[in-house]
Amino acid sequence: MNNLRSLNSLRLSEIDTLAFAGGGNRCWWQGGALTHLLSRGMSLPRQLVGTSAGAAVATSCVTADPEFALNACIDLYATNQSIFNWTALSRGKFQFAHQHIYPAWIESFLNPKTFSALEKSGTKIKVGVTRPAPWLGMAGSVAFGTLAYLIDKHIWHSIHPRLPKLFGLRQAFIDLDQCSTVSDAHSVLCAAAAAPPILQSRFVSNFRAIDGGYTDNAPIHKQDQDEQRRTLVLLTRNYPNLPQMFNWRGRNYWQPSKRVPVSTWDCTTHTTVRDAFDLGKMDAIKALDTGILKIA
């Protein structure tokens, strides 16, 4: 990767934008890291950007806290024994547990009691979603988006892929704090994680949207050089050949110290979300102790 350099030190007080990559349960690494940093006096920056479960973890930082959201997730998973409802299949229906667990989880930290926190907070939240390619339609966009994801993951190892855009998929950003109702905000967060048929697409901002990860799993809106310099991207995938913290093309990136120990899509009682969360906390502790990250 050209223009990449390892970072020896980064001051969180100089960060204006914190970006949360998607990754399903891997996003609990972000939750663990933020829980520790906030407990050590870090203030949330002016803007949070995210997609998929990363957008939800970002939202929990404003409306409740990531550890509260983690415990709600564990409680929901504890009551679920299977990802797929095989009984429903006999009736010709595809039913995944995510279809009721994910909205219920969002409800745990974004509800009528906490919704006002979005308006009162000095931190704005931008949620990345994908607009399907008109010539592919919804089914084709999901198929080609998945293909592009697999190529980037297993062959090119891209952080910000270009292939989905060549297929006509486009990323859009929605300001969560501009939603007029809690129901609208729910729809935006669910749309940002919608991967049919596991989670169905949602109609938001006058178009039907799917998971923002189909276009870019680590979404960043257009920025000038100064905005890039003040951005920290929290990845959820480990890239063994890259430093744990690095600057690339003007932006700062922080990745897990190793593969996050959790299944991306599992949502059963056996899912090791606590392990993913704990890895994030340990990485944050080490980053502060070694001086790679500084609060002020």
C-alpha atoms as a PDB file:
ATOM      1  CA  MET A   1       0.000   0.000   0.000  1.00  0.00           C
ATOM      2  CA  ASN A   2       1.526   3.299  -1.100  1.00  0.00           C
ATOM      3  CA  ASN A   3       1.709   6.319   1.205  1.00  0.00           C
ATOM      4  CA  LEU A   4       1.406   4.179   4.348  1.00  0.00           C
ATOM      5  CA  ARG A   5       3.463   4.876   7.452  1.00  0.00           C
ATOM      6  CA  SER A   6       3.363   3.468  10.961  1.00  0.00           C
ATOM      7  CA  LEU A   7       2.169   5.798  13.730  1.00  0.00           C
ATOM      8  CA  ASN A   8       4.178   6.105  16.929  1.00  0.00           C
ATOM      9  CA  SER A   9       1.834   8.539  18.645  1.00  0.00           C
ATOM     10  CA  LEU A  10      -1.641   9.980  18.152  1.00  0.00           C
ATOM     11  CA  ARG A  11      -3.505  12.486  20.331  1.00  0.00           C
ATOM     12  CA  LEU A  12      -7.214  11.721  20.577  1.00  0.00           C
ATOM     13  CA  SER A  13      -7.917  15.353  21.499  1.00  0.00           C
ATOM     14  CA  GLU A  14      -6.877  16.280  17.942  1.00  0.00           C
ATOM     15  CA  ILE A  15      -9.347  13.862  16.332  1.00  0.00           C
ATOM     16  CA  ASP A  16     -12.524  15.465  14.948  1.00  0.00           C
ATOM     17  CA  THR A  17     -13.962  12.392  13.198  1.00  0.00           C
ATOM     18  CA  LEU A  18     -14.056   8.850  14.547  1.00  0.00           C
ATOM     19  CA  ALA A  19     -15.064   6.279  11.913  1.00  0.00           C
ATOM     20  CA  PHE A  20     -16.473   2.868  12.865  1.00  0.00           C
ATOM     21  CA  ALA A  21     -16.008   0.128  10.286  1.00  0.00           C
ATOM     22  CA  GLY A  22     -18.692  -2.533   9.983  1.00  0.00           C
ATOM     23  CA  GLY A  23     -18.154  -6.189  10.707  1.00  0.00           C
ATOM     24  CA  GLY A  24     -21.070  -7.629  12.670  1.00  0.00           C
ATOM     25  CA  ASN A  25     -19.946  -9.009  16.022  1.00  0.00           C
ATOM     26  CA  ARG A  26     -16.362  -7.926  15.298  1.00  0.00           C
ATOM     27  CA  CYS A  27     -17.538  -4.396  16.065  1.00  0.00           C
ATOM     28  CA  TRP A  28     -17.496  -5.292  19.744  1.00  0.00           C
ATOM     29  CA  TRP A  29     -13.745  -4.723  19.501  1.00  0.00           C
ATOM     30  CA  GLN A  30     -14.611  -1.062  18.905  1.00  0.00           C
ATOM     31  CA  GLY A  31     -17.012  -1.136  21.852  1.00  0.00           C
ATOM     32  CA  GLY A  32     -14.349  -2.474  24.194  1.00  0.00           C
ATOM     33  CA  ALA A  33     -11.735   0.024  23.016  1.00  0.00           C
ATOM     34  CA  LEU A  34     -14.105   2.994  23.372  1.00  0.00           C
ATOM     35  CA  THR A  35     -15.309   1.841  26.796  1.00  0.00           C
ATOM     36  CA  HIS A  36     -11.768   1.982  28.146  1.00  0.00           C
ATOM     37  CA  LEU A  37     -10.818   5.228  26.402  1.00  0.00           C
ATOM     38  CA  LEU A  38     -13.955   7.001  27.640  1.00  0.00           C
ATOM     39  CA  SER A  39     -13.321   5.738  31.177  1.00  0.00           C
ATOM     40  CA  ARG A  40      -9.847   7.312  30.990  1.00  0.00           C
ATOM     41  CA  GLY A  41     -11.217  10.725  30.129  1.00  0.00           C
ATOM     42  CA  MET A  42     -11.519  10.706  26.358  1.00  0.00           C
ATOM     43  CA  SER A  43     -14.243  13.002  25.011  1.00  0.00           C
ATOM     44  CA  LEU A  44     -16.218  11.977  21.952  1.00  0.00           C
ATOM     45  CA  PRO A  45     -15.117  13.989  18.915  1.00  0.00           C
ATOM     46  CA  ARG A  46     -17.289  16.329  16.903  1.00  0.00           C
ATOM     47  CA  GLN A  47     -18.394  13.598  14.508  1.00  0.00           C
ATOM     48  CA  LEU A  48     -18.867   9.828  14.431  1.00  0.00           C
ATOM     49  CA  VAL A  49     -19.206   7.964  11.127  1.00  0.00           C
ATOM     50  CA  GLY A  50     -20.101   4.306  10.761  1.00  0.00           C
ATOM     51  CA  THR A  51     -21.922   1.573   8.958  1.00  0.00           C
ATOM     52  CA  SER A  52     -23.452  -1.788   9.797  1.00  0.00           C
ATOM     53  CA  ALA A  53     -22.963  -2.741  13.457  1.00  0.00           C
ATOM     54  CA  GLY A  54     -20.201  -0.143  13.664  1.00  0.00           C
ATOM     55  CA  ALA A  55     -22.814   2.602  13.237  1.00  0.00           C
ATOM     56  CA  ALA A  56     -24.830   1.042  16.054  1.00  0.00           C
ATOM     57  CA  VAL A  57     -21.818   0.885  18.397  1.00  0.00           C
ATOM     58  CA  ALA A  58     -21.109   4.535  17.575  1.00  0.00           C
ATOM     59  CA  THR A  59     -24.702   5.433  18.427  1.00  0.00           C
ATOM     60  CA  SER A  60     -24.500   3.602  21.743  1.00  0.00           C
ATOM     61  CA  CYS A  61     -21.572   5.857  22.698  1.00  0.00           C
ATOM     62  CA  VAL A  62     -23.940   8.839  22.526  1.00  0.00           C
ATOM     63  CA  THR A  63     -27.223   7.398  23.833  1.00  0.00           C
ATOM     64  CA  ALA A  64     -26.011   4.990  26.520  1.00  0.00           C
ATOM     65  CA  ASP A  65     -22.557   3.393  26.541  1.00  0.00           C
ATOM     66  CA  PRO A  66     -21.012   0.457  24.652  1.00  0.00           C
ATOM     67  CA  GLU A  67     -20.912  -1.858  27.673  1.00  0.00           C
ATOM     68  CA  PHE A  68     -24.638  -1.342  28.251  1.00  0.00           C
ATOM     69  CA  ALA A  69     -25.219  -2.245  24.589  1.00  0.00           C
ATOM     70  CA  LEU A  70     -22.961  -5.289  24.976  1.00  0.00           C
ATOM     71  CA  ASN A  71     -24.952  -6.613  27.941  1.00  0.00           C
ATOM     72  CA  ALA A  72     -28.200  -6.089  26.015  1.00  0.00           C
ATOM     73  CA  CYS A  73     -26.715  -8.071  23.121  1.00  0.00           C
ATOM     74  CA  ILE A  74     -25.627 -10.904  25.431  1.00  0.00           C
ATOM     75  CA  ASP A  75     -29.123 -11.070  26.953  1.00  0.00           C
ATOM     76  CA  LEU A  76     -30.727 -11.315  23.504  1.00  0.00           C
ATOM     77  CA  TYR A  77     -28.281 -13.962  22.299  1.00  0.00           C
ATOM     78  CA  ALA A  78     -28.805 -15.984  25.484  1.00  0.00           C
ATOM     79  CA  THR A  79     -32.410 -16.695  24.501  1.00  0.00           C
ATOM     80  CA  ASN A  80     -31.546 -17.790  20.958  1.00  0.00           C
ATOM     81  CA  GLN A  81     -30.368 -21.280  20.017  1.00  0.00           C
ATOM     82  CA  SER A  82     -30.283 -21.089  16.223  1.00  0.00           C
ATOM     83  CA  ILE A  83     -29.510 -18.541  13.520  1.00  0.00           C
ATOM     84  CA  PHE A  84     -32.104 -19.936  11.109  1.00  0.00           C
ATOM     85  CA  ASN A  85     -35.730 -20.882  11.760  1.00  0.00           C
ATOM     86  CA  TRP A  86     -36.044 -24.258  10.036  1.00  0.00           C
ATOM     87  CA  THR A  87     -39.708 -24.579  11.012  1.00  0.00           C
ATOM     88  CA  ALA A  88     -40.538 -21.461   9.018  1.00  0.00           C
ATOM     89  CA  LEU A  89     -38.783 -22.943   5.985  1.00  0.00           C
ATOM     90  CA  SER A  90     -41.399 -25.684   5.852  1.00  0.00           C
ATOM     91  CA  ARG A  91     -43.939 -22.887   5.321  1.00  0.00           C
ATOM     92  CA  GLY A  92     -41.845 -21.418   2.502  1.00  0.00           C
ATOM     93  CA  LYS A  93     -40.385 -18.575   4.581  1.00  0.00           C
ATOM     94  CA  PHE A  94     -36.766 -17.563   5.147  1.00  0.00           C
ATOM     95  CA  GLN A  95     -36.516 -16.423   8.766  1.00  0.00           C
ATOM     96  CA  PHE A  96     -33.214 -15.525  10.381  1.00  0.00           C
ATOM     97  CA  ALA A  97     -32.947 -14.746  14.074  1.00  0.00           C
ATOM     98  CA  HIS A  98     -31.265 -11.446  13.199  1.00  0.00           C
ATOM     99  CA  GLN A  99     -34.590 -10.177  11.863  1.00  0.00           C
ATOM    100  CA  HIS A 100     -35.940  -9.772  15.379  1.00  0.00           C
ATOM    101  CA  ILE A 101     -32.730  -9.710  17.451  1.00  0.00           C
ATOM    102  CA  TYR A 102     -31.035  -6.815  15.642  1.00  0.00           C
ATOM    103  CA  PRO A 103     -33.982  -4.366  15.885  1.00  0.00           C
ATOM    104  CA  ALA A 104     -34.491  -5.384  19.520  1.00  0.00           C
ATOM    105  CA  TRP A 105     -30.839  -4.705  20.240  1.00  0.00           C
ATOM    106  CA  ILE A 106     -31.043  -1.253  18.619  1.00  0.00           C
ATOM    107  CA  GLU A 107     -34.138  -0.568  20.729  1.00  0.00           C
ATOM    108  CA  SER A 108     -32.187  -1.323  23.917  1.00  0.00           C
ATOM    109  CA  PHE A 109     -30.022   1.808  23.585  1.00  0.00           C
ATOM    110  CA  LEU A 110     -31.983   3.919  21.091  1.00  0.00           C
ATOM    111  CA  ASN A 111     -35.525   4.386  22.360  1.00  0.00           C
ATOM    112  CA  PRO A 112     -37.898   7.205  23.333  1.00  0.00           C
ATOM    113  CA  LYS A 113     -35.984   7.722  26.606  1.00  0.00           C
ATOM    114  CA  THR A 114     -32.581   8.101  24.922  1.00  0.00           C
ATOM    115  CA  PHE A 115     -33.547   9.612  21.570  1.00  0.00           C
ATOM    116  CA  SER A 116     -33.189  13.185  22.836  1.00  0.00           C
ATOM    117  CA  ALA A 117     -29.510  12.502  23.544  1.00  0.00           C
ATOM    118  CA  LEU A 118     -28.881  12.570  19.783  1.00  0.00           C
ATOM    119  CA  GLU A 119     -30.151  16.149  19.587  1.00  0.00           C
ATOM    120  CA  LYS A 120     -28.472  17.357  22.776  1.00  0.00           C
ATOM    121  CA  SER A 121     -25.097  15.781  22.119  1.00  0.00           C
ATOM    122  CA  GLY A 122     -22.338  17.878  20.634  1.00  0.00           C
ATOM    123  CA  THR A 123     -21.374  14.829  18.591  1.00  0.00           C
ATOM    124  CA  LYS A 124     -22.990  14.257  15.196  1.00  0.00           C
ATOM    125  CA  ILE A 125     -23.485  10.759  13.775  1.00  0.00           C
ATOM    126  CA  LYS A 126     -23.285   9.985  10.058  1.00  0.00           C
ATOM    127  CA  VAL A 127     -24.516   6.533   8.997  1.00  0.00           C
ATOM    128  CA  GLY A 128     -23.268   4.988   5.772  1.00  0.00           C
ATOM    129  CA  VAL A 129     -25.727   2.925   3.699  1.00  0.00           C
ATOM    130  CA  THR A 130     -25.587   1.506   0.176  1.00  0.00           C
ATOM    131  CA  ARG A 131     -27.818   2.587  -2.689  1.00  0.00           C
ATOM    132  CA  PRO A 132     -28.383  -0.398  -5.021  1.00  0.00           C
ATOM    133  CA  ALA A 133     -27.258  -0.080  -8.633  1.00  0.00           C
ATOM    134  CA  PRO A 134     -30.315   0.789 -10.786  1.00  0.00           C
ATOM    135  CA  TRP A 135     -29.283  -1.580 -13.565  1.00  0.00           C
ATOM    136  CA  LEU A 136     -28.743  -4.482 -11.149  1.00  0.00           C
ATOM    137  CA  GLY A 137     -31.812  -4.053  -8.953  1.00  0.00           C
ATOM    138  CA  MET A 138     -31.843  -5.129  -5.309  1.00  0.00           C
ATOM    139  CA  ALA A 139     -31.053  -8.836  -5.818  1.00  0.00           C
ATOM    140  CA  GLY A 140     -28.283  -8.126  -8.326  1.00  0.00           C
ATOM    141  CA  SER A 141     -26.756  -5.433  -6.142  1.00  0.00           C
ATOM    142  CA  VAL A 142     -26.615  -7.800  -3.184  1.00  0.00           C
ATOM    143  CA  ALA A 143     -25.079 -10.553  -5.329  1.00  0.00           C
ATOM    144  CA  PHE A 144     -22.450  -8.316  -6.956  1.00  0.00           C
ATOM    145  CA  GLY A 145     -21.782  -6.516  -3.685  1.00  0.00           C
ATOM    146  CA  THR A 146     -21.129  -9.843  -1.973  1.00  0.00           C
ATOM    147  CA  LEU A 147     -18.854 -10.933  -4.826  1.00  0.00           C
ATOM    148  CA  ALA A 148     -16.896  -7.689  -4.591  1.00  0.00           C
ATOM    149  CA  TYR A 149     -16.597  -8.127  -0.807  1.00  0.00           C
ATOM    150  CA  LEU A 150     -15.183 -11.651  -1.191  1.00  0.00           C
ATOM    151  CA  ILE A 151     -12.699 -10.567  -3.860  1.00  0.00           C
ATOM    152  CA  ASP A 152     -11.486  -7.657  -1.748  1.00  0.00           C
ATOM    153  CA  LYS A 153     -11.275  -9.787   1.403  1.00  0.00           C
ATOM    154  CA  HIS A 154      -9.505 -12.846   0.010  1.00  0.00           C
ATOM    155  CA  ILE A 155      -7.555 -11.524  -3.001  1.00  0.00           C
ATOM    156  CA  TRP A 156      -6.924  -7.771  -2.865  1.00  0.00           C
ATOM    157  CA  HIS A 157      -7.155  -7.225   0.942  1.00  0.00           C
ATOM    158  CA  SER A 158      -8.483  -3.727   0.312  1.00  0.00           C
ATOM    159  CA  ILE A 159      -9.505  -1.394   3.114  1.00  0.00           C
ATOM    160  CA  HIS A 160     -11.540   0.877   0.833  1.00  0.00           C
ATOM    161  CA  PRO A 161     -12.600  -1.209  -2.197  1.00  0.00           C
ATOM    162  CA  ARG A 162     -13.227   0.274  -5.636  1.00  0.00           C
ATOM    163  CA  LEU A 163     -14.919  -2.704  -7.277  1.00  0.00           C
ATOM    164  CA  PRO A 164     -18.460  -2.109  -5.880  1.00  0.00           C
ATOM    165  CA  LYS A 165     -18.560   1.369  -7.410  1.00  0.00           C
ATOM    166  CA  LEU A 166     -17.638  -0.117 -10.787  1.00  0.00           C
ATOM    167  CA  PHE A 167     -20.747  -2.279 -10.464  1.00  0.00           C
ATOM    168  CA  GLY A 168     -22.827   0.855  -9.888  1.00  0.00           C
ATOM    169  CA  LEU A 169     -23.349   0.605  -6.125  1.00  0.00           C
ATOM    170  CA  ARG A 170     -23.188   3.950  -4.336  1.00  0.00           C
ATOM    171  CA  GLN A 171     -22.719   4.910  -0.714  1.00  0.00           C
ATOM    172  CA  ALA A 172     -24.924   7.509   0.930  1.00  0.00           C
ATOM    173  CA  PHE A 173     -24.588   9.118   4.354  1.00  0.00           C
ATOM    174  CA  ILE A 174     -27.546   9.938   6.567  1.00  0.00           C
ATOM    175  CA  ASP A 175     -27.304  12.258   9.578  1.00  0.00           C
ATOM    176  CA  LEU A 176     -28.836  10.290  12.422  1.00  0.00           C
ATOM    177  CA  ASP A 177     -29.385  13.385  14.562  1.00  0.00           C
ATOM    178  CA  GLN A 178     -31.546  14.843  11.779  1.00  0.00           C
ATOM    179  CA  CYS A 179     -34.096  12.018  12.058  1.00  0.00           C
ATOM    180  CA  SER A 180     -37.371  13.467  13.302  1.00  0.00           C
ATOM    181  CA  THR A 181     -38.517  10.337  15.151  1.00  0.00           C
ATOM    182  CA  VAL A 182     -36.918   7.425  16.951  1.00  0.00           C
ATOM    183  CA  SER A 183     -38.581   5.129  14.402  1.00  0.00           C
ATOM    184  CA  ASP A 184     -36.774   6.896  11.559  1.00  0.00           C
ATOM    185  CA  ALA A 185     -33.454   6.580  13.403  1.00  0.00           C
ATOM    186  CA  HIS A 186     -34.123   2.866  13.937  1.00  0.00           C
ATOM    187  CA  SER A 187     -34.740   2.384  10.225  1.00  0.00           C
ATOM    188  CA  VAL A 188     -31.467   4.092   9.333  1.00  0.00           C
ATOM    189  CA  LEU A 189     -29.417   1.875  11.666  1.00  0.00           C
ATOM    190  CA  CYS A 190     -31.204  -1.264  10.483  1.00  0.00           C
ATOM    191  CA  ALA A 191     -30.722  -0.260   6.837  1.00  0.00           C
ATOM    192  CA  ALA A 192     -26.999   0.221   7.468  1.00  0.00           C
ATOM    193  CA  ALA A 193     -26.777  -3.458   8.486  1.00  0.00           C
ATOM    194  CA  ALA A 194     -29.270  -4.894   5.983  1.00  0.00           C
ATOM    195  CA  ALA A 195     -27.797  -7.912   4.202  1.00  0.00           C
ATOM    196  CA  PRO A 196     -30.728  -9.709   2.495  1.00  0.00           C
ATOM    197  CA  PRO A 197     -32.043 -12.265   3.219  1.00  0.00           C
ATOM    198  CA  ILE A 198     -30.521 -12.183   6.730  1.00  0.00           C
ATOM    199  CA  LEU A 199     -31.762  -8.627   7.308  1.00  0.00           C
ATOM    200  CA  GLN A 200     -34.128  -7.008   4.836  1.00  0.00           C
ATOM    201  CA  SER A 201     -33.521  -3.681   3.123  1.00  0.00           C
ATOM    202  CA  ARG A 202     -35.122  -0.550   4.544  1.00  0.00           C
ATOM    203  CA  PHE A 203     -36.655   2.495   2.875  1.00  0.00           C
ATOM    204  CA  VAL A 204     -34.782   5.591   4.093  1.00  0.00           C
ATOM    205  CA  SER A 205     -34.343   9.102   2.691  1.00  0.00           C
ATOM    206  CA  ASN A 206     -36.552   8.299  -0.313  1.00  0.00           C
ATOM    207  CA  PHE A 207     -34.643   5.216  -1.452  1.00  0.00           C
ATOM    208  CA  ARG A 208     -34.332   1.573  -0.442  1.00  0.00           C
ATOM    209  CA  ALA A 209     -31.003   0.989   1.283  1.00  0.00           C
ATOM    210  CA  ILE A 210     -28.819  -1.964   2.232  1.00  0.00           C
ATOM    211  CA  ASP A 211     -25.684  -2.518   4.312  1.00  0.00           C
ATOM    212  CA  GLY A 212     -23.105   0.199   3.754  1.00  0.00           C
ATOM    213  CA  GLY A 213     -20.426  -2.502   3.772  1.00  0.00           C
ATOM    214  CA  TYR A 214     -21.441  -3.515   0.260  1.00  0.00           C
ATOM    215  CA  THR A 215     -19.684  -0.373  -1.000  1.00  0.00           C
ATOM    216  CA  ASP A 216     -17.164   0.320   1.775  1.00  0.00           C
ATOM    217  CA  ASN A 217     -16.883  -1.472   5.091  1.00  0.00           C
ATOM    218  CA  ALA A 218     -14.905   1.442   6.543  1.00  0.00           C
ATOM    219  CA  PRO A 219     -16.966   4.344   5.211  1.00  0.00           C
ATOM    220  CA  ILE A 220     -15.639   7.881   5.048  1.00  0.00           C
ATOM    221  CA  HIS A 221     -17.423  10.792   3.409  1.00  0.00           C
ATOM    222  CA  LYS A 222     -15.498  13.174   1.180  1.00  0.00           C
ATOM    223  CA  GLN A 223     -12.937  15.146   3.195  1.00  0.00           C
ATOM    224  CA  ASP A 224     -10.283  17.782   2.622  1.00  0.00           C
ATOM    225  CA  GLN A 225      -6.699  17.197   3.765  1.00  0.00           C
ATOM    226  CA  ASP A 226      -7.156  18.801   7.184  1.00  0.00           C
ATOM    227  CA  GLU A 227     -10.283  16.716   7.861  1.00  0.00           C
ATOM    228  CA  GLN A 228      -8.415  13.560   6.840  1.00  0.00           C
ATOM    229  CA  ARG A 229      -5.580  14.404   9.216  1.00  0.00           C
ATOM    230  CA  ARG A 230      -8.091  14.699  12.078  1.00  0.00           C
ATOM    231  CA  THR A 231      -9.815  11.370  11.344  1.00  0.00           C
ATOM    232  CA  LEU A 232      -9.263   8.030  13.090  1.00  0.00           C
ATOM    233  CA  VAL A 233     -10.756   4.914  11.483  1.00  0.00           C
ATOM    234  CA  LEU A 234     -11.489   1.990  13.823  1.00  0.00           C
ATOM    235  CA  LEU A 235     -11.132  -1.154  11.727  1.00  0.00           C
ATOM    236  CA  THR A 236     -12.580  -4.507  12.802  1.00  0.00           C
ATOM    237  CA  ARG A 237     -10.531  -6.776  10.559  1.00  0.00           C
ATOM    238  CA  ASN A 238      -6.921  -7.623  11.322  1.00  0.00           C
ATOM    239  CA  TYR A 239      -4.442  -7.023   8.493  1.00  0.00           C
ATOM    240  CA  PRO A 240      -1.331  -8.981   9.605  1.00  0.00           C
ATOM    241  CA  ASN A 241       1.014  -7.201   7.192  1.00  0.00           C
ATOM    242  CA  LEU A 242       0.092  -3.722   8.437  1.00  0.00           C
ATOM    243  CA  PRO A 243       1.045  -1.887  11.665  1.00  0.00           C
ATOM    244  CA  GLN A 244      -1.597  -1.822  14.370  1.00  0.00           C
ATOM    245  CA  MET A 245      -1.818   1.956  14.031  1.00  0.00           C
ATOM    246  CA  PHE A 246      -0.921   3.668  10.779  1.00  0.00           C
ATOM    247  CA  ASN A 247      -1.514   6.646   8.525  1.00  0.00           C
ATOM    248  CA  TRP A 248      -2.578   5.968   4.969  1.00  0.00           C
ATOM    249  CA  ARG A 249      -3.426   8.563   2.358  1.00  0.00           C
ATOM    250  CA  GLY A 250      -3.677  11.217   5.047  1.00  0.00           C
ATOM    251  CA  ARG A 251      -6.004   9.347   7.439  1.00  0.00           C
ATOM    252  CA  ASN A 252      -5.233   7.529  10.674  1.00  0.00           C
ATOM    253  CA  TYR A 253      -6.208   3.878  11.149  1.00  0.00           C
ATOM    254  CA  TRP A 254      -6.274   1.592  14.187  1.00  0.00           C
ATOM    255  CA  GLN A 255      -6.767  -2.148  13.750  1.00  0.00           C
ATOM    256  CA  PRO A 256      -7.196  -5.014  16.248  1.00  0.00           C
ATOM    257  CA  SER A 257      -3.936  -6.541  17.453  1.00  0.00           C
ATOM    258  CA  LYS A 258      -5.082  -9.934  16.181  1.00  0.00           C
ATOM    259  CA  ARG A 259      -8.091 -11.568  14.574  1.00  0.00           C
ATOM    260  CA  VAL A 260     -11.141 -10.583  16.622  1.00  0.00           C
ATOM    261  CA  PRO A 261     -12.206 -13.833  18.370  1.00  0.00           C
ATOM    262  CA  VAL A 262     -15.865 -13.936  17.401  1.00  0.00           C
ATOM    263  CA  SER A 263     -18.067 -15.103  14.530  1.00  0.00           C
ATOM    264  CA  THR A 264     -19.285 -12.191  12.424  1.00  0.00           C
ATOM    265  CA  TRP A 265     -22.900 -13.327  12.044  1.00  0.00           C
ATOM    266  CA  ASP A 266     -23.532 -15.762  14.909  1.00  0.00           C
ATOM    267  CA  CYS A 267     -26.273 -14.598  17.282  1.00  0.00           C
ATOM    268  CA  THR A 268     -26.718 -17.570  19.607  1.00  0.00           C
ATOM    269  CA  THR A 269     -25.978 -18.168  23.258  1.00  0.00           C
ATOM    270  CA  HIS A 270     -22.509 -19.493  22.348  1.00  0.00           C
ATOM    271  CA  THR A 271     -21.351 -16.338  20.545  1.00  0.00           C
ATOM    272  CA  THR A 272     -18.147 -14.942  22.064  1.00  0.00           C
ATOM    273  CA  VAL A 273     -19.000 -11.240  21.934  1.00  0.00           C
ATOM    274  CA  ARG A 274     -17.456 -10.677  25.375  1.00  0.00           C
ATOM    275  CA  ASP A 275     -14.109 -11.945  24.051  1.00  0.00           C
ATOM    276  CA  ALA A 276     -14.246  -9.437  21.187  1.00  0.00           C
ATOM    277  CA  PHE A 277     -15.095  -6.637  23.632  1.00  0.00           C
ATOM    278  CA  ASP A 278     -12.263  -7.636  25.984  1.00  0.00           C
ATOM    279  CA  LEU A 279      -9.740  -7.645  23.129  1.00  0.00           C
ATOM    280  CA  GLY A 280     -10.731  -4.054  22.354  1.00  0.00           C
ATOM    281  CA  LYS A 281     -10.218  -3.063  25.991  1.00  0.00           C
ATOM    282  CA  MET A 282      -6.828  -4.772  26.141  1.00  0.00           C
ATOM    283  CA  ASP A 283      -5.695  -3.098  22.904  1.00  0.00           C
ATOM    284  CA  ALA A 284      -6.781   0.297  24.262  1.00  0.00           C
ATOM    285  CA  ILE A 285      -4.996  -0.297  27.566  1.00  0.00           C
ATOM    286  CA  LYS A 286      -1.785  -1.215  25.753  1.00  0.00           C
ATOM    287  CA  ALA A 287      -2.081   1.736  23.352  1.00  0.00           C
ATOM    288  CA  LEU A 288      -2.353   4.181  26.270  1.00  0.00           C
ATOM    289  CA  ASP A 289       0.314   2.489  28.382  1.00  0.00           C
ATOM    290  CA  THR A 290       2.847   2.503  25.530  1.00  0.00           C
ATOM    291  CA  GLY A 291       1.989   6.064  24.505  1.00  0.00           C
ATOM    292  CA  ILE A 292       0.844   5.187  20.993  1.00  0.00           C
ATOM    293  CA  LEU A 293      -2.475   6.783  21.948  1.00  0.00           C
ATOM    294  CA  LYS A 294      -2.708   9.868  24.140  1.00  0.00           C
ATOM    295  CA  ILE A 295      -5.988  11.213  25.545  1.00  0.00           C
ATOM    296  CA  ALA A 296      -4.942  14.882  25.576  1.00  0.00           C
END
